[in-house]
Amino acid sequence: MHELSIVLSIIEQIEEETAKRGGGQVEAIYVRVGVLSGVDTEALRFAYDLAREGTGLAGSRLEIEAVLLLVFCPQCSTTHAPRPPNIACPCCITPEQEILHGRELEVRAFEIVQ
């Protein structure tokens, strides 16, 4: 389960950033997870609940924003939101699409109470 290594990295990153800001209690962490990121959001949430215990983030919550797939067709210059695994353009049926959104895996923000 690579989600555990992801949340361990997130926790480390947030703890370092919290220390730089003079400490405080982390209330929430907001992450964006794209449909093509290869991350299972339920496994990520479960791993976070386990990994946060015994850390400065023990009482915090993980808020996950799902990022849907958005692609651009260079053949007919249209943008559409397909449902994987079929990402062919619905207008011209071209299979080669430029992925605009859907691969994200990022910490967007976190809340600290001083």
N, C-alpha and C. Protein backbone atom coordinates (compact mmCIF):
# COMPACT_ATOMS: atom_id res chain seq x y z
N MET A 1 0.85 -1.17 0.00
CA MET A 1 0.00 0.00 0.00
C MET A 1 0.90 1.24 0.00
N HIS A 2 1.06 1.87 -1.16
CA HIS A 2 1.91 3.06 -1.25
C HIS A 2 1.25 4.29 -0.63
N GLU A 3 -0.04 4.20 -0.33
CA GLU A 3 -0.71 5.32 0.33
C GLU A 3 -0.10 5.62 1.69
N LEU A 4 0.39 4.60 2.39
CA LEU A 4 1.03 4.81 3.69
C LEU A 4 2.29 5.66 3.53
N SER A 5 3.11 5.38 2.54
CA SER A 5 4.31 6.20 2.33
C SER A 5 3.93 7.63 1.93
N ILE A 6 2.85 7.78 1.23
CA ILE A 6 2.38 9.12 0.84
C ILE A 6 1.98 9.90 2.08
N VAL A 7 1.17 9.30 2.97
CA VAL A 7 0.74 10.04 4.16
C VAL A 7 1.89 10.28 5.13
N LEU A 8 2.84 9.38 5.20
CA LEU A 8 4.02 9.62 6.05
C LEU A 8 4.79 10.83 5.55
N SER A 9 4.90 10.96 4.25
CA SER A 9 5.56 12.13 3.65
C SER A 9 4.77 13.40 3.92
N ILE A 10 3.45 13.33 3.79
CA ILE A 10 2.60 14.50 4.06
C ILE A 10 2.74 14.92 5.51
N ILE A 11 2.69 13.97 6.43
CA ILE A 11 2.81 14.28 7.86
C ILE A 11 4.16 14.94 8.15
N GLU A 12 5.21 14.40 7.59
CA GLU A 12 6.55 14.98 7.79
C GLU A 12 6.60 16.42 7.26
N GLN A 13 6.06 16.62 6.08
CA GLN A 13 6.03 17.95 5.46
C GLN A 13 5.24 18.94 6.31
N ILE A 14 4.10 18.54 6.81
CA ILE A 14 3.25 19.42 7.62
C ILE A 14 3.91 19.71 8.96
N GLU A 15 4.52 18.72 9.58
CA GLU A 15 5.21 18.95 10.85
C GLU A 15 6.37 19.93 10.69
N GLU A 16 7.12 19.81 9.61
CA GLU A 16 8.22 20.75 9.35
C GLU A 16 7.68 22.16 9.14
N GLU A 17 6.64 22.28 8.37
CA GLU A 17 6.06 23.59 8.09
C GLU A 17 5.45 24.21 9.35
N THR A 18 4.82 23.41 10.16
CA THR A 18 4.24 23.88 11.42
C THR A 18 5.34 24.40 12.35
N ALA A 19 6.45 23.68 12.42
CA ALA A 19 7.58 24.11 13.26
C ALA A 19 8.15 25.44 12.77
N LYS A 20 8.23 25.62 11.45
CA LYS A 20 8.73 26.88 10.89
C LYS A 20 7.83 28.06 11.26
N ARG A 21 6.55 27.78 11.44
CA ARG A 21 5.57 28.83 11.74
C ARG A 21 5.36 29.02 13.24
N GLY A 22 6.22 28.39 14.04
CA GLY A 22 6.15 28.58 15.49
C GLY A 22 5.25 27.61 16.22
N GLY A 23 4.87 26.53 15.59
CA GLY A 23 4.06 25.51 16.25
C GLY A 23 2.58 25.75 16.13
N GLY A 24 1.84 25.04 16.94
CA GLY A 24 0.38 25.11 16.90
C GLY A 24 -0.20 23.75 16.63
N GLN A 25 -1.50 23.64 16.80
CA GLN A 25 -2.21 22.38 16.58
C GLN A 25 -2.78 22.36 15.17
N VAL A 26 -2.42 21.34 14.41
CA VAL A 26 -2.96 21.18 13.06
C VAL A 26 -4.38 20.61 13.17
N GLU A 27 -5.32 21.32 12.60
CA GLU A 27 -6.73 20.91 12.63
C GLU A 27 -7.10 20.07 11.40
N ALA A 28 -6.61 20.49 10.24
CA ALA A 28 -6.99 19.80 9.00
C ALA A 28 -5.90 19.96 7.95
N ILE A 29 -5.83 18.96 7.09
CA ILE A 29 -4.95 18.99 5.93
C ILE A 29 -5.84 18.76 4.71
N TYR A 30 -5.65 19.62 3.70
CA TYR A 30 -6.46 19.55 2.48
C TYR A 30 -5.57 19.08 1.33
N VAL A 31 -5.96 17.96 0.72
CA VAL A 31 -5.20 17.42 -0.40
C VAL A 31 -6.10 17.29 -1.61
N ARG A 32 -5.46 17.37 -2.77
CA ARG A 32 -6.15 17.15 -4.05
C ARG A 32 -5.62 15.85 -4.64
N VAL A 33 -6.53 14.97 -5.04
CA VAL A 33 -6.15 13.67 -5.59
C VAL A 33 -6.87 13.47 -6.92
N GLY A 34 -6.09 13.37 -7.98
CA GLY A 34 -6.65 13.17 -9.31
C GLY A 34 -7.02 11.72 -9.57
N VAL A 35 -8.01 11.54 -10.41
CA VAL A 35 -8.51 10.22 -10.75
C VAL A 35 -7.42 9.34 -11.39
N LEU A 36 -6.45 9.94 -12.05
CA LEU A 36 -5.36 9.19 -12.68
C LEU A 36 -4.08 9.18 -11.85
N SER A 37 -4.14 9.62 -10.59
CA SER A 37 -2.94 9.70 -9.75
C SER A 37 -2.46 8.33 -9.29
N GLY A 38 -3.32 7.33 -9.36
CA GLY A 38 -2.95 6.00 -8.88
C GLY A 38 -3.12 5.85 -7.38
N VAL A 39 -3.79 6.81 -6.76
CA VAL A 39 -3.99 6.79 -5.31
C VAL A 39 -5.45 6.45 -5.01
N ASP A 40 -5.64 5.48 -4.14
CA ASP A 40 -6.97 5.11 -3.68
C ASP A 40 -7.30 6.01 -2.50
N THR A 41 -8.32 6.85 -2.63
CA THR A 41 -8.62 7.84 -1.60
C THR A 41 -9.05 7.19 -0.28
N GLU A 42 -9.75 6.08 -0.32
CA GLU A 42 -10.14 5.40 0.91
C GLU A 42 -8.91 4.82 1.61
N ALA A 43 -8.00 4.25 0.85
CA ALA A 43 -6.75 3.73 1.43
C ALA A 43 -5.91 4.87 1.99
N LEU A 44 -5.93 6.02 1.31
CA LEU A 44 -5.20 7.20 1.78
C LEU A 44 -5.77 7.67 3.12
N ARG A 45 -7.07 7.74 3.22
CA ARG A 45 -7.73 8.17 4.46
C ARG A 45 -7.44 7.18 5.60
N PHE A 46 -7.51 5.89 5.31
CA PHE A 46 -7.22 4.86 6.31
C PHE A 46 -5.77 4.96 6.78
N ALA A 47 -4.85 5.09 5.84
CA ALA A 47 -3.43 5.20 6.18
C ALA A 47 -3.17 6.45 7.01
N TYR A 48 -3.85 7.54 6.68
CA TYR A 48 -3.68 8.78 7.44
C TYR A 48 -4.15 8.60 8.88
N ASP A 49 -5.31 7.97 9.05
CA ASP A 49 -5.83 7.74 10.39
C ASP A 49 -4.86 6.93 11.24
N LEU A 50 -4.17 5.98 10.64
CA LEU A 50 -3.18 5.18 11.36
C LEU A 50 -1.89 5.96 11.61
N ALA A 51 -1.39 6.63 10.59
CA ALA A 51 -0.08 7.28 10.66
C ALA A 51 -0.06 8.52 11.53
N ARG A 52 -1.18 9.20 11.67
CA ARG A 52 -1.20 10.45 12.44
C ARG A 52 -1.09 10.22 13.94
N GLU A 53 -1.49 9.03 14.42
CA GLU A 53 -1.44 8.73 15.85
C GLU A 53 -0.01 8.80 16.35
N GLY A 54 0.17 9.45 17.49
CA GLY A 54 1.50 9.58 18.08
C GLY A 54 2.32 10.71 17.48
N THR A 55 1.70 11.50 16.60
CA THR A 55 2.40 12.64 15.99
C THR A 55 1.69 13.92 16.44
N GLY A 56 2.23 15.04 16.03
CA GLY A 56 1.61 16.32 16.31
C GLY A 56 0.31 16.53 15.55
N LEU A 57 -0.03 15.62 14.66
CA LEU A 57 -1.25 15.72 13.87
C LEU A 57 -2.33 14.74 14.34
N ALA A 58 -2.15 14.19 15.54
CA ALA A 58 -3.03 13.14 16.04
C ALA A 58 -4.52 13.51 16.00
N GLY A 59 -4.87 14.74 16.28
CA GLY A 59 -6.27 15.14 16.30
C GLY A 59 -6.76 15.75 15.01
N SER A 60 -5.94 15.76 13.99
CA SER A 60 -6.31 16.43 12.74
C SER A 60 -7.14 15.52 11.84
N ARG A 61 -7.72 16.14 10.82
CA ARG A 61 -8.50 15.39 9.84
C ARG A 61 -7.90 15.63 8.44
N LEU A 62 -8.12 14.68 7.58
CA LEU A 62 -7.65 14.76 6.20
C LEU A 62 -8.85 15.02 5.31
N GLU A 63 -8.83 16.15 4.60
CA GLU A 63 -9.90 16.51 3.67
C GLU A 63 -9.39 16.26 2.26
N ILE A 64 -10.09 15.41 1.52
CA ILE A 64 -9.65 15.02 0.18
C ILE A 64 -10.59 15.61 -0.87
N GLU A 65 -10.01 16.34 -1.80
CA GLU A 65 -10.75 16.87 -2.95
C GLU A 65 -10.43 16.00 -4.16
N ALA A 66 -11.44 15.37 -4.71
CA ALA A 66 -11.24 14.55 -5.90
C ALA A 66 -11.15 15.45 -7.13
N VAL A 67 -10.14 15.20 -7.96
CA VAL A 67 -9.95 15.97 -9.19
C VAL A 67 -10.31 15.07 -10.37
N LEU A 68 -11.34 15.46 -11.09
CA LEU A 68 -11.79 14.68 -12.23
C LEU A 68 -10.86 14.87 -13.42
N LEU A 69 -10.95 13.96 -14.35
CA LEU A 69 -10.15 14.01 -15.56
C LEU A 69 -10.68 15.08 -16.51
N LEU A 70 -9.78 15.90 -17.02
CA LEU A 70 -10.11 16.90 -18.03
C LEU A 70 -9.02 16.82 -19.09
N VAL A 71 -9.43 16.65 -20.34
CA VAL A 71 -8.46 16.49 -21.43
C VAL A 71 -8.76 17.47 -22.57
N PHE A 72 -7.72 17.71 -23.35
CA PHE A 72 -7.81 18.58 -24.53
C PHE A 72 -7.48 17.75 -25.75
N CYS A 73 -8.31 17.87 -26.77
CA CYS A 73 -8.08 17.16 -28.02
C CYS A 73 -7.34 18.08 -28.98
N PRO A 74 -6.10 17.77 -29.34
CA PRO A 74 -5.36 18.62 -30.27
C PRO A 74 -5.88 18.54 -31.71
N GLN A 75 -6.61 17.47 -32.02
CA GLN A 75 -7.13 17.29 -33.37
C GLN A 75 -8.28 18.27 -33.67
N CYS A 76 -9.21 18.42 -32.73
CA CYS A 76 -10.37 19.28 -33.00
C CYS A 76 -10.47 20.45 -32.02
N SER A 77 -9.45 20.61 -31.18
CA SER A 77 -9.35 21.73 -30.23
C SER A 77 -10.54 21.83 -29.27
N THR A 78 -10.97 20.69 -28.77
CA THR A 78 -12.05 20.69 -27.78
C THR A 78 -11.53 20.17 -26.44
N THR A 79 -12.18 20.59 -25.40
CA THR A 79 -11.87 20.12 -24.05
C THR A 79 -13.07 19.32 -23.57
N HIS A 80 -12.78 18.17 -22.94
CA HIS A 80 -13.88 17.35 -22.44
C HIS A 80 -13.44 16.60 -21.19
N ALA A 81 -14.40 16.05 -20.49
CA ALA A 81 -14.17 15.32 -19.24
C ALA A 81 -14.61 13.87 -19.42
N PRO A 82 -13.74 13.03 -19.96
CA PRO A 82 -14.11 11.63 -20.20
C PRO A 82 -14.11 10.81 -18.91
N ARG A 83 -14.65 9.63 -19.01
CA ARG A 83 -14.63 8.69 -17.89
C ARG A 83 -13.63 7.60 -18.24
N PRO A 84 -12.52 7.53 -17.49
CA PRO A 84 -11.51 6.50 -17.79
C PRO A 84 -12.15 5.11 -17.74
N PRO A 85 -11.66 4.20 -18.54
CA PRO A 85 -10.42 4.24 -19.31
C PRO A 85 -10.58 4.81 -20.72
N ASN A 86 -11.80 5.08 -21.15
CA ASN A 86 -12.01 5.61 -22.50
C ASN A 86 -11.83 7.13 -22.49
N ILE A 87 -10.71 7.61 -23.04
CA ILE A 87 -10.49 9.06 -23.06
C ILE A 87 -10.50 9.62 -24.49
N ALA A 88 -10.92 8.81 -25.45
CA ALA A 88 -10.99 9.30 -26.83
C ALA A 88 -11.94 10.49 -26.91
N CYS A 89 -11.64 11.40 -27.81
CA CYS A 89 -12.46 12.59 -28.01
C CYS A 89 -13.86 12.19 -28.48
N PRO A 90 -14.90 12.70 -27.83
CA PRO A 90 -16.26 12.35 -28.26
C PRO A 90 -16.65 13.03 -29.58
N CYS A 91 -15.92 14.07 -29.97
CA CYS A 91 -16.24 14.79 -31.20
C CYS A 91 -15.61 14.13 -32.43
N CYS A 92 -14.31 13.81 -32.33
CA CYS A 92 -13.60 13.29 -33.51
C CYS A 92 -13.04 11.88 -33.30
N ILE A 93 -13.24 11.33 -32.14
CA ILE A 93 -12.82 9.97 -31.78
C ILE A 93 -11.30 9.78 -31.78
N THR A 94 -10.54 10.84 -31.77
CA THR A 94 -9.08 10.75 -31.71
C THR A 94 -8.67 10.23 -30.33
N PRO A 95 -7.85 9.18 -30.27
CA PRO A 95 -7.46 8.62 -28.97
C PRO A 95 -6.37 9.44 -28.24
N GLU A 96 -5.56 10.19 -28.98
CA GLU A 96 -4.48 10.96 -28.36
C GLU A 96 -5.03 12.25 -27.78
N GLN A 97 -5.00 12.34 -26.46
CA GLN A 97 -5.53 13.50 -25.76
C GLN A 97 -4.46 14.07 -24.83
N GLU A 98 -4.48 15.37 -24.64
CA GLU A 98 -3.57 16.03 -23.71
C GLU A 98 -4.30 16.13 -22.37
N ILE A 99 -3.72 15.53 -21.34
CA ILE A 99 -4.35 15.54 -20.02
C ILE A 99 -4.09 16.89 -19.35
N LEU A 100 -5.17 17.60 -19.02
CA LEU A 100 -5.07 18.90 -18.36
C LEU A 100 -5.17 18.78 -16.85
N HIS A 101 -6.08 17.92 -16.37
CA HIS A 101 -6.27 17.68 -14.94
C HIS A 101 -6.58 16.20 -14.74
N GLY A 102 -6.24 15.72 -13.55
CA GLY A 102 -6.57 14.35 -13.21
C GLY A 102 -5.41 13.55 -12.67
N ARG A 103 -4.20 14.09 -12.77
CA ARG A 103 -3.00 13.41 -12.26
C ARG A 103 -2.55 13.96 -10.91
N GLU A 104 -3.23 14.98 -10.39
CA GLU A 104 -2.79 15.69 -9.20
C GLU A 104 -2.70 14.78 -7.97
N LEU A 105 -1.71 15.06 -7.16
CA LEU A 105 -1.58 14.54 -5.81
C LEU A 105 -0.80 15.60 -5.07
N GLU A 106 -1.52 16.48 -4.39
CA GLU A 106 -0.86 17.63 -3.77
C GLU A 106 -1.54 18.06 -2.49
N VAL A 107 -0.70 18.57 -1.58
CA VAL A 107 -1.24 19.20 -0.38
C VAL A 107 -1.60 20.61 -0.79
N ARG A 108 -2.86 20.96 -0.66
CA ARG A 108 -3.34 22.29 -1.07
C ARG A 108 -3.23 23.29 0.07
N ALA A 109 -3.53 22.86 1.29
CA ALA A 109 -3.50 23.77 2.44
C ALA A 109 -3.58 22.95 3.72
N PHE A 110 -3.34 23.64 4.83
CA PHE A 110 -3.57 23.03 6.14
C PHE A 110 -3.94 24.13 7.12
N GLU A 111 -4.72 23.75 8.14
CA GLU A 111 -5.18 24.70 9.16
C GLU A 111 -4.42 24.48 10.46
N ILE A 112 -3.96 25.58 11.05
CA ILE A 112 -3.27 25.53 12.34
C ILE A 112 -4.01 26.43 13.32
N VAL A 113 -4.20 25.93 14.54
CA VAL A 113 -4.76 26.73 15.61
C VAL A 113 -3.60 27.03 16.57
N GLN A 114 -3.36 28.31 16.80
CA GLN A 114 -2.24 28.71 17.67
C GLN A 114 -2.58 28.60 19.12
